[in-house]
PDB file of N, CA and C in Angstrom:
ATOM      1  N   MET A   1      72.459 -30.545 -28.167  1.00  0.00           N
ATOM      2  CA  MET A   1      72.188 -30.868 -27.175  1.00  0.00           C
ATOM      3  C   MET A   1      71.684 -29.119 -26.554  1.00  0.00           C
ATOM      4  N   ALA A   2      72.109 -29.915 -25.021  1.00  0.00           N
ATOM      5  CA  ALA A   2      69.788 -29.080 -24.109  1.00  0.00           C
ATOM      6  C   ALA A   2      70.979 -27.625 -23.967  1.00  0.00           C
ATOM      7  N   LYS A   3      70.280 -26.928 -23.714  1.00  0.00           N
ATOM      8  CA  LYS A   3      70.586 -25.299 -24.108  1.00  0.00           C
ATOM      9  C   LYS A   3      70.427 -24.970 -22.693  1.00  0.00           C
ATOM     10  N   PHE A   4      71.001 -24.261 -21.875  1.00  0.00           N
ATOM     11  CA  PHE A   4      71.582 -23.809 -20.603  1.00  0.00           C
ATOM     12  C   PHE A   4      70.443 -22.712 -20.674  1.00  0.00           C
ATOM     13  N   ASP A   5      69.646 -22.858 -18.729  1.00  0.00           N
ATOM     14  CA  ASP A   5      68.465 -22.092 -18.973  1.00  0.00           C
ATOM     15  C   ASP A   5      69.071 -21.186 -17.840  1.00  0.00           C
ATOM     16  N   VAL A   6      69.659 -19.865 -17.931  1.00  0.00           N
ATOM     17  CA  VAL A   6      70.100 -19.455 -16.577  1.00  0.00           C
ATOM     18  C   VAL A   6      69.114 -19.007 -16.224  1.00  0.00           C
ATOM     19  N   GLN A   7      67.990 -17.850 -16.678  1.00  0.00           N
ATOM     20  CA  GLN A   7      66.635 -17.649 -16.142  1.00  0.00           C
ATOM     21  C   GLN A   7      65.954 -18.859 -14.519  1.00  0.00           C
ATOM     22  N   SER A   8      66.605 -19.711 -15.210  1.00  0.00           N
ATOM     23  CA  SER A   8      65.731 -21.417 -14.548  1.00  0.00           C
ATOM     24  C   SER A   8      66.736 -21.399 -13.927  1.00  0.00           C
ATOM     25  N   LEU A   9      67.817 -21.124 -13.290  1.00  0.00           N
ATOM     26  CA  LEU A   9      68.814 -21.399 -12.736  1.00  0.00           C
ATOM     27  C   LEU A   9      68.779 -20.306 -11.432  1.00  0.00           C
ATOM     28  N   MET A  10      68.833 -18.855 -12.010  1.00  0.00           N
ATOM     29  CA  MET A  10      68.429 -17.680 -10.980  1.00  0.00           C
ATOM     30  C   MET A  10      67.493 -18.220  -9.899  1.00  0.00           C
ATOM     31  N   ARG A  11      65.959 -18.617 -10.259  1.00  0.00           N
ATOM     32  CA  ARG A  11      65.124 -18.984 -10.009  1.00  0.00           C
ATOM     33  C   ARG A  11      65.647 -19.583  -9.162  1.00  0.00           C
ATOM     34  N   GLN A  12      65.698 -20.948  -9.419  1.00  0.00           N
ATOM     35  CA  GLN A  12      66.267 -21.748  -8.642  1.00  0.00           C
ATOM     36  C   GLN A  12      66.963 -20.918  -6.906  1.00  0.00           C
ATOM     37  N   ALA A  13      67.800 -20.682  -7.250  1.00  0.00           N
ATOM     38  CA  ALA A  13      69.141 -20.238  -6.451  1.00  0.00           C
ATOM     39  C   ALA A  13      67.915 -18.812  -5.742  1.00  0.00           C
ATOM     40  N   HIS A  14      67.490 -18.303  -6.695  1.00  0.00           N
ATOM     41  CA  HIS A  14      66.622 -17.622  -5.404  1.00  0.00           C
ATOM     42  C   HIS A  14      65.829 -18.288  -4.308  1.00  0.00           C
ATOM     43  N   LYS A  15      64.399 -18.749  -5.403  1.00  0.00           N
ATOM     44  CA  LYS A  15      63.758 -20.047  -3.943  1.00  0.00           C
ATOM     45  C   LYS A  15      64.781 -20.177  -2.627  1.00  0.00           C
ATOM     46  N   MET A  16      65.746 -20.713  -2.935  1.00  0.00           N
ATOM     47  CA  MET A  16      66.585 -21.918  -2.295  1.00  0.00           C
ATOM     48  C   MET A  16      66.992 -20.993  -0.973  1.00  0.00           C
ATOM     49  N   GLN A  17      67.921 -19.902  -1.509  1.00  0.00           N
ATOM     50  CA  GLN A  17      67.527 -18.635  -0.911  1.00  0.00           C
ATOM     51  C   GLN A  17      66.784 -17.972  -0.214  1.00  0.00           C
ATOM     52  N   GLY A  18      65.740 -17.686   0.105  1.00  0.00           N
ATOM     53  CA  GLY A  18      64.352 -17.896   0.271  1.00  0.00           C
ATOM     54  C   GLY A  18      64.367 -18.571   1.363  1.00  0.00           C
ATOM     55  N   GLU A  19      64.260 -19.706   0.972  1.00  0.00           N
ATOM     56  CA  GLU A  19      63.958 -21.349   2.026  1.00  0.00           C
ATOM     57  C   GLU A  19      64.855 -21.208   3.311  1.00  0.00           C
ATOM     58  N   MET A  20      66.124 -20.739   3.031  1.00  0.00           N
ATOM     59  CA  MET A  20      67.608 -20.729   3.994  1.00  0.00           C
ATOM     60  C   MET A  20      67.607 -19.625   4.779  1.00  0.00           C
ATOM     61  N   THR A  21      66.772 -18.248   4.304  1.00  0.00           N
ATOM     62  CA  THR A  21      66.515 -17.562   5.353  1.00  0.00           C
ATOM     63  C   THR A  21      65.325 -17.893   6.301  1.00  0.00           C
ATOM     64  N   ARG A  22      64.273 -18.879   5.725  1.00  0.00           N
ATOM     65  CA  ARG A  22      62.846 -19.398   7.051  1.00  0.00           C
ATOM     66  C   ARG A  22      63.953 -20.262   7.340  1.00  0.00           C
ATOM     67  N   VAL A  23      64.324 -21.052   6.811  1.00  0.00           N
ATOM     68  CA  VAL A  23      64.214 -21.811   7.992  1.00  0.00           C
ATOM     69  C   VAL A  23      65.807 -21.151   9.205  1.00  0.00           C
ATOM     70  N   GLN A  24      66.492 -20.199   8.855  1.00  0.00           N
ATOM     71  CA  GLN A  24      67.496 -19.520   9.210  1.00  0.00           C
ATOM     72  C   GLN A  24      66.526 -18.796  11.053  1.00  0.00           C
ATOM     73  N   GLU A  25      65.235 -18.367  10.283  1.00  0.00           N
ATOM     74  CA  GLU A  25      64.954 -17.489  11.285  1.00  0.00           C
ATOM     75  C   GLU A  25      63.760 -18.863  12.274  1.00  0.00           C
ATOM     76  N   GLU A  26      63.620 -20.115  11.574  1.00  0.00           N
ATOM     77  CA  GLU A  26      63.018 -20.885  12.625  1.00  0.00           C
ATOM     78  C   GLU A  26      64.357 -21.736  13.807  1.00  0.00           C
ATOM     79  N   LEU A  27      65.199 -22.174  13.133  1.00  0.00           N
ATOM     80  CA  LEU A  27      65.921 -22.091  13.909  1.00  0.00           C
ATOM     81  C   LEU A  27      66.751 -21.203  15.293  1.00  0.00           C
ATOM     82  N   LYS A  28      66.161 -19.678  14.707  1.00  0.00           N
ATOM     83  CA  LYS A  28      66.202 -18.295  15.823  1.00  0.00           C
ATOM     84  C   LYS A  28      65.312 -18.957  17.052  1.00  0.00           C
ATOM     85  N   GLN A  29      64.749 -19.749  17.176  1.00  0.00           N
ATOM     86  CA  GLN A  29      63.407 -19.404  17.771  1.00  0.00           C
ATOM     87  C   GLN A  29      63.468 -21.025  18.389  1.00  0.00           C
ATOM     88  N   THR A  30      64.304 -22.368  17.808  1.00  0.00           N
ATOM     89  CA  THR A  30      64.284 -23.439  17.941  1.00  0.00           C
ATOM     90  C   THR A  30      65.278 -23.690  19.171  1.00  0.00           C
ATOM     91  N   VAL A  31      64.855 -24.278  20.759  1.00  0.00           N
ATOM     92  CA  VAL A  31      65.294 -24.572  21.673  1.00  0.00           C
ATOM     93  C   VAL A  31      65.405 -26.189  21.407  1.00  0.00           C
ATOM     94  N   VAL A  32      66.946 -26.216  21.897  1.00  0.00           N
ATOM     95  CA  VAL A  32      67.356 -27.671  22.503  1.00  0.00           C
ATOM     96  C   VAL A  32      68.016 -27.024  24.113  1.00  0.00           C
ATOM     97  N   GLU A  33      67.472 -28.265  24.445  1.00  0.00           N
ATOM     98  CA  GLU A  33      68.315 -28.368  26.106  1.00  0.00           C
ATOM     99  C   GLU A  33      69.238 -29.318  25.999  1.00  0.00           C
ATOM    100  N   GLY A  34      70.736 -29.063  26.570  1.00  0.00           N
ATOM    101  CA  GLY A  34      71.651 -29.635  26.740  1.00  0.00           C
ATOM    102  C   GLY A  34      71.771 -29.993  28.511  1.00  0.00           C
ATOM    103  N   VAL A  35      71.763 -30.770  29.131  1.00  0.00           N
ATOM    104  CA  VAL A  35      72.268 -31.804  30.152  1.00  0.00           C
ATOM    105  C   VAL A  35      73.388 -32.487  30.423  1.00  0.00           C
ATOM    106  N   ALA A  36      74.153 -32.199  32.050  1.00  0.00           N
ATOM    107  CA  ALA A  36      75.667 -32.997  32.243  1.00  0.00           C
ATOM    108  C   ALA A  36      74.618 -33.590  34.101  1.00  0.00           C
ATOM    109  N   GLY A  37      75.422 -34.535  33.984  1.00  0.00           N
ATOM    110  CA  GLY A  37      75.139 -34.590  35.850  1.00  0.00           C
ATOM    111  C   GLY A  37      73.844 -35.581  36.054  1.00  0.00           C
ATOM    112  N   GLY A  38      73.869 -36.417  35.150  1.00  0.00           N
ATOM    113  CA  GLY A  38      72.175 -36.564  35.093  1.00  0.00           C
ATOM    114  C   GLY A  38      71.220 -35.801  35.071  1.00  0.00           C
ATOM    115  N   GLY A  39      71.154 -34.865  34.655  1.00  0.00           N
ATOM    116  CA  GLY A  39      70.765 -33.785  34.409  1.00  0.00           C
ATOM    117  C   GLY A  39      70.176 -32.709  35.545  1.00  0.00           C
ATOM    118  N   MET A  40      71.872 -32.718  36.489  1.00  0.00           N
ATOM    119  CA  MET A  40      72.189 -31.549  37.405  1.00  0.00           C
ATOM    120  C   MET A  40      71.679 -30.491  37.038  1.00  0.00           C
ATOM    121  N   VAL A  41      72.315 -30.473  35.922  1.00  0.00           N
ATOM    122  CA  VAL A  41      72.888 -28.958  34.856  1.00  0.00           C
ATOM    123  C   VAL A  41      71.766 -28.697  34.214  1.00  0.00           C
ATOM    124  N   LYS A  42      71.339 -28.016  33.265  1.00  0.00           N
ATOM    125  CA  LYS A  42      70.684 -28.722  31.714  1.00  0.00           C
ATOM    126  C   LYS A  42      70.167 -26.838  31.585  1.00  0.00           C
ATOM    127  N   VAL A  43      70.725 -26.710  30.487  1.00  0.00           N
ATOM    128  CA  VAL A  43      70.894 -25.516  29.876  1.00  0.00           C
ATOM    129  C   VAL A  43      70.380 -25.343  28.712  1.00  0.00           C
ATOM    130  N   GLN A  44      68.888 -24.428  28.448  1.00  0.00           N
ATOM    131  CA  GLN A  44      68.268 -24.367  27.263  1.00  0.00           C
ATOM    132  C   GLN A  44      69.336 -23.295  26.027  1.00  0.00           C
ATOM    133  N   ALA A  45      69.312 -23.892  25.171  1.00  0.00           N
ATOM    134  CA  ALA A  45      69.567 -22.401  24.100  1.00  0.00           C
ATOM    135  C   ALA A  45      69.394 -22.260  22.644  1.00  0.00           C
ATOM    136  N   THR A  46      69.208 -21.429  21.704  1.00  0.00           N
ATOM    137  CA  THR A  46      68.771 -21.873  20.764  1.00  0.00           C
ATOM    138  C   THR A  46      69.587 -22.717  20.020  1.00  0.00           C
ATOM    139  N   CYS A  47      69.257 -23.226  18.513  1.00  0.00           N
ATOM    140  CA  CYS A  47      69.975 -23.501  17.676  1.00  0.00           C
ATOM    141  C   CYS A  47      71.053 -22.157  16.996  1.00  0.00           C
ATOM    142  N   ALA A  48      70.138 -21.088  17.027  1.00  0.00           N
ATOM    143  CA  ALA A  48      71.277 -19.944  17.100  1.00  0.00           C
ATOM    144  C   ALA A  48      71.938 -19.136  18.090  1.00  0.00           C
ATOM    145  N   ASN A  49      72.159 -20.399  18.755  1.00  0.00           N
ATOM    146  CA  ASN A  49      73.587 -20.325  19.900  1.00  0.00           C
ATOM    147  C   ASN A  49      73.430 -19.064  21.050  1.00  0.00           C
ATOM    148  N   GLU A  50      72.327 -19.026  20.746  1.00  0.00           N
ATOM    149  CA  GLU A  50      71.596 -18.091  22.233  1.00  0.00           C
ATOM    150  C   GLU A  50      71.086 -18.850  23.365  1.00  0.00           C
ATOM    151  N   VAL A  51      72.091 -18.935  24.288  1.00  0.00           N
ATOM    152  CA  VAL A  51      71.963 -19.812  25.846  1.00  0.00           C
ATOM    153  C   VAL A  51      70.975 -18.859  25.925  1.00  0.00           C
ATOM    154  N   ARG A  52      70.097 -19.349  26.563  1.00  0.00           N
ATOM    155  CA  ARG A  52      68.408 -19.137  27.098  1.00  0.00           C
ATOM    156  C   ARG A  52      68.330 -19.116  29.004  1.00  0.00           C
ATOM    157  N   ALA A  53      68.395 -19.831  28.808  1.00  0.00           N
ATOM    158  CA  ALA A  53      68.664 -20.358  30.480  1.00  0.00           C
ATOM    159  C   ALA A  53      70.008 -21.717  30.757  1.00  0.00           C
ATOM    160  N   ILE A  54      70.176 -21.150  32.432  1.00  0.00           N
ATOM    161  CA  ILE A  54      70.758 -22.424  32.829  1.00  0.00           C
ATOM    162  C   ILE A  54      70.030 -22.944  33.955  1.00  0.00           C
ATOM    163  N   SER A  55      70.024 -23.772  34.390  1.00  0.00           N
ATOM    164  CA  SER A  55      69.257 -24.805  35.778  1.00  0.00           C
ATOM    165  C   SER A  55      69.945 -25.518  36.194  1.00  0.00           C
ATOM    166  N   ILE A  56      70.800 -24.933  37.636  1.00  0.00           N
ATOM    167  CA  ILE A  56      71.434 -25.941  38.389  1.00  0.00           C
ATOM    168  C   ILE A  56      71.186 -26.263  39.812  1.00  0.00           C
ATOM    169  N   ASN A  57      70.440 -28.019  40.095  1.00  0.00           N
ATOM    170  CA  ASN A  57      70.826 -28.531  41.231  1.00  0.00           C
ATOM    171  C   ASN A  57      70.808 -28.286  41.986  1.00  0.00           C
ATOM    172  N   PRO A  58      70.584 -27.347  43.473  1.00  0.00           N
ATOM    173  CA  PRO A  58      70.712 -27.256  44.511  1.00  0.00           C
ATOM    174  C   PRO A  58      71.678 -28.537  45.235  1.00  0.00           C
ATOM    175  N   GLU A  59      71.748 -29.295  44.605  1.00  0.00           N
ATOM    176  CA  GLU A  59      72.629 -30.963  45.417  1.00  0.00           C
ATOM    177  C   GLU A  59      74.319 -30.875  44.730  1.00  0.00           C
ATOM    178  N   VAL A  60      73.948 -30.066  43.292  1.00  0.00           N
ATOM    179  CA  VAL A  60      74.902 -29.906  43.132  1.00  0.00           C
ATOM    180  C   VAL A  60      75.944 -28.996  43.090  1.00  0.00           C
ATOM    181  N   VAL A  61      75.259 -28.171  44.011  1.00  0.00           N
ATOM    182  CA  VAL A  61      76.368 -27.560  44.438  1.00  0.00           C
ATOM    183  C   VAL A  61      77.503 -27.837  45.466  1.00  0.00           C
ATOM    184  N   ASP A  62      78.870 -27.572  45.834  1.00  0.00           N
ATOM    185  CA  ASP A  62      79.500 -27.595  46.705  1.00  0.00           C
ATOM    186  C   ASP A  62      80.168 -27.183  47.108  1.00  0.00           C
ATOM    187  N   PRO A  63      80.361 -25.994  47.634  1.00  0.00           N
ATOM    188  CA  PRO A  63      81.786 -24.732  47.863  1.00  0.00           C
ATOM    189  C   PRO A  63      82.970 -25.687  47.308  1.00  0.00           C
ATOM    190  N   GLU A  64      83.454 -26.201  48.390  1.00  0.00           N
ATOM    191  CA  GLU A  64      84.346 -27.529  48.338  1.00  0.00           C
ATOM    192  C   GLU A  64      85.143 -28.043  46.822  1.00  0.00           C
ATOM    193  N   ASP A  65      84.049 -27.789  45.961  1.00  0.00           N
ATOM    194  CA  ASP A  65      84.505 -28.500  44.720  1.00  0.00           C
ATOM    195  C   ASP A  65      83.662 -27.821  43.328  1.00  0.00           C
ATOM    196  N   VAL A  66      84.485 -26.396  43.609  1.00  0.00           N
ATOM    197  CA  VAL A  66      83.099 -25.685  42.722  1.00  0.00           C
ATOM    198  C   VAL A  66      84.182 -25.986  40.614  1.00  0.00           C
ATOM    199  N   GLU A  67      85.115 -26.474  40.803  1.00  0.00           N
ATOM    200  CA  GLU A  67      85.354 -26.842  39.665  1.00  0.00           C
ATOM    201  C   GLU A  67      84.407 -28.006  38.814  1.00  0.00           C
ATOM    202  N   MET A  68      83.738 -28.854  39.831  1.00  0.00           N
ATOM    203  CA  MET A  68      83.348 -30.011  39.173  1.00  0.00           C
ATOM    204  C   MET A  68      82.469 -29.366  38.687  1.00  0.00           C
ATOM    205  N   LEU A  69      81.590 -28.408  39.243  1.00  0.00           N
ATOM    206  CA  LEU A  69      80.177 -27.301  38.356  1.00  0.00           C
ATOM    207  C   LEU A  69      80.847 -26.549  37.802  1.00  0.00           C
ATOM    208  N   GLN A  70      81.745 -25.802  37.410  1.00  0.00           N
ATOM    209  CA  GLN A  70      82.337 -24.953  36.280  1.00  0.00           C
ATOM    210  C   GLN A  70      82.244 -26.176  35.677  1.00  0.00           C
ATOM    211  N   ASP A  71      83.043 -28.126  35.355  1.00  0.00           N
ATOM    212  CA  ASP A  71      82.894 -28.822  34.519  1.00  0.00           C
ATOM    213  C   ASP A  71      81.361 -29.210  33.974  1.00  0.00           C
ATOM    214  N   LEU A  72      80.848 -29.470  34.644  1.00  0.00           N
ATOM    215  CA  LEU A  72      79.011 -29.481  34.090  1.00  0.00           C
ATOM    216  C   LEU A  72      78.515 -28.773  34.050  1.00  0.00           C
ATOM    217  N   ILE A  73      78.429 -27.399  34.202  1.00  0.00           N
ATOM    218  CA  ILE A  73      78.266 -26.632  32.999  1.00  0.00           C
ATOM    219  C   ILE A  73      78.504 -26.221  32.057  1.00  0.00           C
ATOM    220  N   LEU A  74      79.289 -26.132  31.478  1.00  0.00           N
ATOM    221  CA  LEU A  74      80.257 -26.010  30.876  1.00  0.00           C
ATOM    222  C   LEU A  74      80.119 -27.588  29.665  1.00  0.00           C
ATOM    223  N   LEU A  75      79.924 -29.027  30.480  1.00  0.00           N
ATOM    224  CA  LEU A  75      79.278 -29.942  29.495  1.00  0.00           C
ATOM    225  C   LEU A  75      77.960 -30.044  29.331  1.00  0.00           C
ATOM    226  N   ALA A  76      76.744 -28.850  29.192  1.00  0.00           N
ATOM    227  CA  ALA A  76      76.113 -28.680  29.281  1.00  0.00           C
ATOM    228  C   ALA A  76      75.701 -28.062  28.104  1.00  0.00           C
ATOM    229  N   ILE A  77      76.657 -26.983  28.303  1.00  0.00           N
ATOM    230  CA  ILE A  77      76.776 -26.231  27.030  1.00  0.00           C
ATOM    231  C   ILE A  77      76.746 -26.519  26.082  1.00  0.00           C
ATOM    232  N   GLN A  78      78.192 -27.489  25.932  1.00  0.00           N
ATOM    233  CA  GLN A  78      78.581 -28.520  24.817  1.00  0.00           C
ATOM    234  C   GLN A  78      77.839 -29.083  24.502  1.00  0.00           C
ATOM    235  N   ASP A  79      77.166 -30.109  25.372  1.00  0.00           N
ATOM    236  CA  ASP A  79      75.553 -30.508  24.602  1.00  0.00           C
ATOM    237  C   ASP A  79      74.570 -30.316  23.342  1.00  0.00           C
ATOM    238  N   ALA A  80      74.013 -28.808  24.252  1.00  0.00           N
ATOM    239  CA  ALA A  80      73.472 -27.995  23.664  1.00  0.00           C
ATOM    240  C   ALA A  80      73.598 -27.601  22.541  1.00  0.00           C
ATOM    241  N   ALA A  81      75.099 -27.499  22.713  1.00  0.00           N
ATOM    242  CA  ALA A  81      75.318 -26.899  21.228  1.00  0.00           C
ATOM    243  C   ALA A  81      76.129 -28.138  20.531  1.00  0.00           C
ATOM    244  N   LYS A  82      76.128 -29.232  20.807  1.00  0.00           N
ATOM    245  CA  LYS A  82      76.093 -30.461  19.497  1.00  0.00           C
ATOM    246  C   LYS A  82      74.719 -30.586  19.027  1.00  0.00           C
ATOM    247  N   GLN A  83      73.856 -30.832  19.697  1.00  0.00           N
ATOM    248  CA  GLN A  83      72.558 -30.481  19.733  1.00  0.00           C
ATOM    249  C   GLN A  83      71.898 -29.727  18.482  1.00  0.00           C
ATOM    250  N   ALA A  84      72.222 -28.542  19.155  1.00  0.00           N
ATOM    251  CA  ALA A  84      71.450 -27.411  17.602  1.00  0.00           C
ATOM    252  C   ALA A  84      72.324 -27.234  16.845  1.00  0.00           C
ATOM    253  N   ALA A  85      73.485 -27.649  16.225  1.00  0.00           N
ATOM    254  CA  ALA A  85      74.499 -27.554  15.253  1.00  0.00           C
ATOM    255  C   ALA A  85      73.972 -29.083  14.531  1.00  0.00           C
ATOM    256  N   ASP A  86      73.480 -30.726  15.236  1.00  0.00           N
ATOM    257  CA  ASP A  86      72.524 -31.305  14.221  1.00  0.00           C
ATOM    258  C   ASP A  86      71.538 -30.876  14.069  1.00  0.00           C
ATOM    259  N   ILE A  87      70.467 -30.492  14.486  1.00  0.00           N
ATOM    260  CA  ILE A  87      69.813 -29.617  14.104  1.00  0.00           C
ATOM    261  C   ILE A  87      69.597 -28.846  12.929  1.00  0.00           C
ATOM    262  N   SER A  88      70.382 -27.898  13.542  1.00  0.00           N
ATOM    263  CA  SER A  88      70.559 -26.783  12.143  1.00  0.00           C
ATOM    264  C   SER A  88      71.634 -27.757  10.361  1.00  0.00           C
ATOM    265  N   ASN A  89      72.845 -28.540  10.972  1.00  0.00           N
ATOM    266  CA  ASN A  89      72.928 -28.977   9.481  1.00  0.00           C
ATOM    267  C   ASN A  89      71.813 -29.593   8.867  1.00  0.00           C
ATOM    268  N   ARG A  90      71.232 -30.615   9.251  1.00  0.00           N
ATOM    269  CA  ARG A  90      69.893 -31.499   9.221  1.00  0.00           C
ATOM    270  C   ARG A  90      68.978 -30.825   8.396  1.00  0.00           C
ATOM    271  N   ARG A  91      68.891 -29.500   9.443  1.00  0.00           N
ATOM    272  CA  ARG A  91      67.702 -28.684   8.499  1.00  0.00           C
ATOM    273  C   ARG A  91      68.253 -27.816   7.453  1.00  0.00           C
ATOM    274  N   MET A  92      69.272 -27.682   7.372  1.00  0.00           N
ATOM    275  CA  MET A  92      69.990 -26.608   6.043  1.00  0.00           C
ATOM    276  C   MET A  92      70.159 -27.659   5.100  1.00  0.00           C
ATOM    277  N   SER A  93      70.613 -28.876   5.453  1.00  0.00           N
ATOM    278  CA  SER A  93      70.775 -30.074   4.383  1.00  0.00           C
ATOM    279  C   SER A  93      69.653 -29.983   3.433  1.00  0.00           C
ATOM    280  N   GLU A  94      67.929 -30.556   4.370  1.00  0.00           N
ATOM    281  CA  GLU A  94      67.058 -30.477   3.436  1.00  0.00           C
ATOM    282  C   GLU A  94      66.870 -29.460   2.386  1.00  0.00           C
ATOM    283  N   VAL A  95      67.375 -28.417   2.872  1.00  0.00           N
ATOM    284  CA  VAL A  95      66.662 -26.870   2.076  1.00  0.00           C
ATOM    285  C   VAL A  95      67.436 -27.062   0.610  1.00  0.00           C
ATOM    286  N   THR A  96      69.235 -27.673   0.880  1.00  0.00           N
ATOM    287  CA  THR A  96      70.199 -27.498  -0.363  1.00  0.00           C
ATOM    288  C   THR A  96      70.317 -28.607  -0.843  1.00  0.00           C
ATOM    289  N   GLY A  97      69.624 -29.961  -0.505  1.00  0.00           N
ATOM    290  CA  GLY A  97      69.908 -31.075  -1.095  1.00  0.00           C
ATOM    291  C   GLY A  97      71.319 -31.562  -0.413  1.00  0.00           C
ATOM    292  N   GLY A  98      71.928 -31.037   0.472  1.00  0.00           N
ATOM    293  CA  GLY A  98      73.392 -31.857   0.445  1.00  0.00           C
ATOM    294  C   GLY A  98      74.299 -31.016   0.396  1.00  0.00           C
ATOM    295  N   ILE A  99      74.266 -29.890  -0.192  1.00  0.00           N
ATOM    296  CA  ILE A  99      75.109 -29.676  -0.786  1.00  0.00           C
ATOM    297  C   ILE A  99      76.093 -28.278   0.304  1.00  0.00           C
ATOM    298  N   LYS A 100      76.994 -28.866   1.155  1.00  0.00           N
ATOM    299  CA  LYS A 100      77.727 -27.968   1.649  1.00  0.00           C
ATOM    300  C   LYS A 100      77.635 -25.861   1.247  1.00  0.00           C
ATOM    301  N   MET A 101      77.331 -25.245   2.450  1.00  0.00           N
ATOM    302  CA  MET A 101      76.934 -24.057   2.157  1.00  0.00           C
ATOM    303  C   MET A 101      77.427 -23.147   3.335  1.00  0.00           C
ATOM    304  N   PRO A 102      77.852 -22.249   3.268  1.00  0.00           N
ATOM    305  CA  PRO A 102      78.811 -21.216   5.130  1.00  0.00           C
ATOM    306  C   PRO A 102      77.475 -20.282   5.278  1.00  0.00           C
ATOM    307  N   PHE A 103      77.115 -20.134   6.142  1.00  0.00           N
ATOM    308  CA  PHE A 103      75.921 -20.037   6.428  1.00  0.00           C
ATOM    309  C   PHE A 103      75.969 -18.620   7.181  1.00  0.00           C
TER     310      PHE A 103
END
């Protein structure tokens, strides 16, 4: 019967924790761009869910249709958030070997 090596397991867990911390720091610096309305509205955000910039093409600004502009901004934010989540999940999965872990 093979002996269970607790120290080896602890070293691996510590190494994984360090790698997860490193990846989380990288994700804070990774910027994605969400777009809506064929690029009329753009949102830049980090993979740590920090919105950095919003760009709105003046052609899409219609005082008679503020709701459309609000919808486009919301869609661009959602697009950026989805991209950020996809990148974050992929990078963390690389670290954890596919084991689902709370971040």
